[in-house]
Every structure is written in C-alpha cells, then in structure tokens.
Amino acid sequence: DPGSRWLALSGTPGIAPDGTLSADFAEQAEQAWSNVCEALGKAGFAVDDLVKITQYLTSADDIRTHAEVRARFLGSARPASMLVVVPALVWPQMTIEIEAWAARSDRAD
C-alpha cells in the first residue's frame, strides 16, 4: 500500500539500556522483547503492527522459555514468525537476537 510506513529492526539483543547483558536466558529474552517494543513505540508503531519476526537463539533448550516470553509481549498479535537456532551470535554471551518488520497505514480510509 503506497500509504504504508515500514519499520525494520535488525539484530535486537537482550542488552539492557545500561549496556549490561544478563547471563540468564529468560532475562535476555525479556530484555530483547522489551527493546523491540520500545523501538516500535519510539517510531510510532505498536506490537499489532508487526508483520514479520525472526528470532535467533543459541540453544534449542531455550525454545519453550522463549515462546512463553514472546507470548507475553505479543499478546494477540500474530506476525509471520521464524525461529532459528544458531551456534553463536556476535558476542559469545548473547543467547537471543530478534529481527522484526512492522508496517502501518496512516491513511484514514
């Protein structure tokens, strides 16, 4: 749609605003999703505007925990979703990274 705005968020890890990174996967996942939601809000988007997410985890053992955290943040939003387990991310202590695309129409139909 020509009246749509798009937002691309790449490589959003679970790093806190003060630069710290928890050693706990659940805390990293919570922070990563919080970072995504904050970036959406700052750009004038909402979780319901997400159209595609790709989540990178470094351990298949964390999939269930991640799904629980993701469900709390996404609520009823159901963007297209891909989850990939990779051997490592850019920093060895990172266990999650989220890439997201959002779109919204600012036209009044």
C-alpha atoms as a PDB file:
ATOM      1  CA  ASP A   1       0.000   0.000   0.000  1.00  0.00           C
ATOM      2  CA  PRO A   2       1.533   3.353  -1.027  1.00  0.00           C
ATOM      3  CA  GLY A   3       0.233   4.948   2.186  1.00  0.00           C
ATOM      4  CA  SER A   4       2.072   2.488   4.434  1.00  0.00           C
ATOM      5  CA  ARG A   5       5.069   3.178   6.627  1.00  0.00           C
ATOM      6  CA  TRP A   6       7.566   0.398   7.308  1.00  0.00           C
ATOM      7  CA  LEU A   7       9.993  -0.132  10.173  1.00  0.00           C
ATOM      8  CA  ALA A   8      12.863  -2.638  10.134  1.00  0.00           C
ATOM      9  CA  LEU A   9      14.528  -3.629  13.401  1.00  0.00           C
ATOM     10  CA  SER A  10      17.635  -5.715  12.950  1.00  0.00           C
ATOM     11  CA  GLY A  11      19.640  -7.649  15.465  1.00  0.00           C
ATOM     12  CA  THR A  12      17.889  -6.600  18.674  1.00  0.00           C
ATOM     13  CA  PRO A  13      19.586  -8.467  21.554  1.00  0.00           C
ATOM     14  CA  GLY A  14      18.775  -8.626  25.249  1.00  0.00           C
ATOM     15  CA  ILE A  15      21.161  -5.833  26.215  1.00  0.00           C
ATOM     16  CA  ALA A  16      19.787  -3.528  28.909  1.00  0.00           C
ATOM     17  CA  PRO A  17      19.829   0.272  28.424  1.00  0.00           C
ATOM     18  CA  ASP A  18      22.840   0.478  30.755  1.00  0.00           C
ATOM     19  CA  GLY A  19      24.784  -1.906  28.476  1.00  0.00           C
ATOM     20  CA  THR A  20      24.584  -4.962  30.702  1.00  0.00           C
ATOM     21  CA  LEU A  21      23.740  -8.440  29.471  1.00  0.00           C
ATOM     22  CA  SER A  22      22.284 -10.983  31.887  1.00  0.00           C
ATOM     23  CA  ALA A  23      23.712 -14.493  31.901  1.00  0.00           C
ATOM     24  CA  ASP A  24      20.136 -15.826  32.277  1.00  0.00           C
ATOM     25  CA  PHE A  25      18.320 -16.679  29.031  1.00  0.00           C
ATOM     26  CA  ALA A  26      14.850 -15.706  30.292  1.00  0.00           C
ATOM     27  CA  GLU A  27      16.148 -12.289  31.370  1.00  0.00           C
ATOM     28  CA  GLN A  28      17.842 -11.775  27.989  1.00  0.00           C
ATOM     29  CA  ALA A  29      14.607 -12.743  26.211  1.00  0.00           C
ATOM     30  CA  GLU A  30      12.544 -10.356  28.363  1.00  0.00           C
ATOM     31  CA  GLN A  31      15.009  -7.545  27.680  1.00  0.00           C
ATOM     32  CA  ALA A  32      15.191  -8.276  23.939  1.00  0.00           C
ATOM     33  CA  TRP A  33      11.394  -8.155  23.599  1.00  0.00           C
ATOM     34  CA  SER A  34      11.267  -5.046  25.774  1.00  0.00           C
ATOM     35  CA  ASN A  35      13.846  -3.437  23.454  1.00  0.00           C
ATOM     36  CA  VAL A  36      11.750  -4.361  20.391  1.00  0.00           C
ATOM     37  CA  CYS A  37       8.591  -2.902  21.959  1.00  0.00           C
ATOM     38  CA  GLU A  38      10.396   0.278  22.984  1.00  0.00           C
ATOM     39  CA  ALA A  39      11.812   0.758  19.480  1.00  0.00           C
ATOM     40  CA  LEU A  40       8.359   0.203  17.977  1.00  0.00           C
ATOM     41  CA  GLY A  41       6.844   2.808  20.299  1.00  0.00           C
ATOM     42  CA  LYS A  42       9.555   5.392  19.634  1.00  0.00           C
ATOM     43  CA  ALA A  43       8.886   5.055  15.898  1.00  0.00           C
ATOM     44  CA  GLY A  44       5.112   5.374  16.298  1.00  0.00           C
ATOM     45  CA  PHE A  45       4.351   1.678  15.857  1.00  0.00           C
ATOM     46  CA  ALA A  46       2.737  -0.917  18.132  1.00  0.00           C
ATOM     47  CA  VAL A  47       3.115  -4.672  18.600  1.00  0.00           C
ATOM     48  CA  ASP A  48      -0.011  -5.173  16.459  1.00  0.00           C
ATOM     49  CA  ASP A  49       1.890  -3.556  13.556  1.00  0.00           C
ATOM     50  CA  LEU A  50       4.479  -6.354  13.481  1.00  0.00           C
ATOM     51  CA  VAL A  51       4.250  -8.285  10.218  1.00  0.00           C
ATOM     52  CA  LYS A  52       7.379 -10.480  10.391  1.00  0.00           C
ATOM     53  CA  ILE A  53       9.755 -11.557  13.150  1.00  0.00           C
ATOM     54  CA  THR A  54      12.857 -13.722  13.049  1.00  0.00           C
ATOM     55  CA  GLN A  55      14.225 -14.905  16.367  1.00  0.00           C
ATOM     56  CA  TYR A  56      17.719 -16.306  16.755  1.00  0.00           C
ATOM     57  CA  LEU A  57      18.503 -18.481  19.787  1.00  0.00           C
ATOM     58  CA  THR A  58      21.772 -20.201  20.596  1.00  0.00           C
ATOM     59  CA  SER A  59      20.167 -23.237  22.252  1.00  0.00           C
ATOM     60  CA  ALA A  60      17.145 -25.350  21.362  1.00  0.00           C
ATOM     61  CA  ASP A  61      16.740 -25.897  25.115  1.00  0.00           C
ATOM     62  CA  ASP A  62      15.528 -22.275  25.376  1.00  0.00           C
ATOM     63  CA  ILE A  63      12.697 -22.539  22.822  1.00  0.00           C
ATOM     64  CA  ARG A  64       9.941 -23.173  25.380  1.00  0.00           C
ATOM     65  CA  THR A  65      11.059 -20.310  27.640  1.00  0.00           C
ATOM     66  CA  HIS A  66      11.324 -18.017  24.642  1.00  0.00           C
ATOM     67  CA  ALA A  67       7.827 -18.952  23.457  1.00  0.00           C
ATOM     68  CA  GLU A  68       6.416 -18.053  26.882  1.00  0.00           C
ATOM     69  CA  VAL A  69       8.208 -14.684  26.956  1.00  0.00           C
ATOM     70  CA  ARG A  70       7.248 -13.920  23.344  1.00  0.00           C
ATOM     71  CA  ALA A  71       3.576 -14.715  24.052  1.00  0.00           C
ATOM     72  CA  ARG A  72       3.511 -12.194  26.916  1.00  0.00           C
ATOM     73  CA  PHE A  73       4.899  -9.432  24.714  1.00  0.00           C
ATOM     74  CA  LEU A  74       2.945 -10.212  21.534  1.00  0.00           C
ATOM     75  CA  GLY A  75      -0.432 -10.763  23.176  1.00  0.00           C
ATOM     76  CA  SER A  76      -2.915 -11.389  20.360  1.00  0.00           C
ATOM     77  CA  ALA A  77      -0.545 -10.176  17.602  1.00  0.00           C
ATOM     78  CA  ARG A  78       0.360 -12.936  15.156  1.00  0.00           C
ATOM     79  CA  PRO A  79       3.105 -11.768  12.788  1.00  0.00           C
ATOM     80  CA  ALA A  80       4.751 -14.226  10.420  1.00  0.00           C
ATOM     81  CA  SER A  81       7.439 -15.844  12.529  1.00  0.00           C
ATOM     82  CA  MET A  82      10.658 -17.783  12.058  1.00  0.00           C
ATOM     83  CA  LEU A  83      12.763 -19.169  14.895  1.00  0.00           C
ATOM     84  CA  VAL A  84      16.326 -20.235  14.114  1.00  0.00           C
ATOM     85  CA  VAL A  85      18.788 -21.959  16.433  1.00  0.00           C
ATOM     86  CA  VAL A  86      22.341 -20.888  15.619  1.00  0.00           C
ATOM     87  CA  PRO A  87      25.680 -21.960  17.115  1.00  0.00           C
ATOM     88  CA  ALA A  88      26.565 -18.431  18.278  1.00  0.00           C
ATOM     89  CA  LEU A  89      25.723 -14.750  17.976  1.00  0.00           C
ATOM     90  CA  VAL A  90      28.123 -11.821  17.628  1.00  0.00           C
ATOM     91  CA  TRP A  91      29.014 -11.811  21.349  1.00  0.00           C
ATOM     92  CA  PRO A  92      29.557 -15.232  22.945  1.00  0.00           C
ATOM     93  CA  GLN A  93      27.358 -14.362  25.947  1.00  0.00           C
ATOM     94  CA  MET A  94      24.348 -13.367  23.776  1.00  0.00           C
ATOM     95  CA  THR A  95      21.688 -16.075  23.666  1.00  0.00           C
ATOM     96  CA  ILE A  96      18.920 -14.295  21.718  1.00  0.00           C
ATOM     97  CA  GLU A  97      18.554 -11.739  18.962  1.00  0.00           C
ATOM     98  CA  ILE A  98      15.321 -10.554  17.318  1.00  0.00           C
ATOM     99  CA  GLU A  99      14.777  -9.090  13.873  1.00  0.00           C
ATOM    100  CA  ALA A 100      11.380  -7.501  13.234  1.00  0.00           C
ATOM    101  CA  TRP A 101       9.417  -5.790  10.485  1.00  0.00           C
ATOM    102  CA  ALA A 102       6.400  -3.613  11.181  1.00  0.00           C
ATOM    103  CA  ALA A 103       4.032  -1.797   8.846  1.00  0.00           C
ATOM    104  CA  ARG A 104       1.104   0.535   9.289  1.00  0.00           C
ATOM    105  CA  SER A 105      -1.100   2.687   7.171  1.00  0.00           C
ATOM    106  CA  ASP A 106      -1.514   6.241   8.358  1.00  0.00           C
ATOM    107  CA  ARG A 107      -4.281   6.886   5.851  1.00  0.00           C
ATOM    108  CA  ALA A 108      -7.819   7.417   7.039  1.00  0.00           C
ATOM    109  CA  ASP A 109      -9.904   5.143   4.831  1.00  0.00           C
END
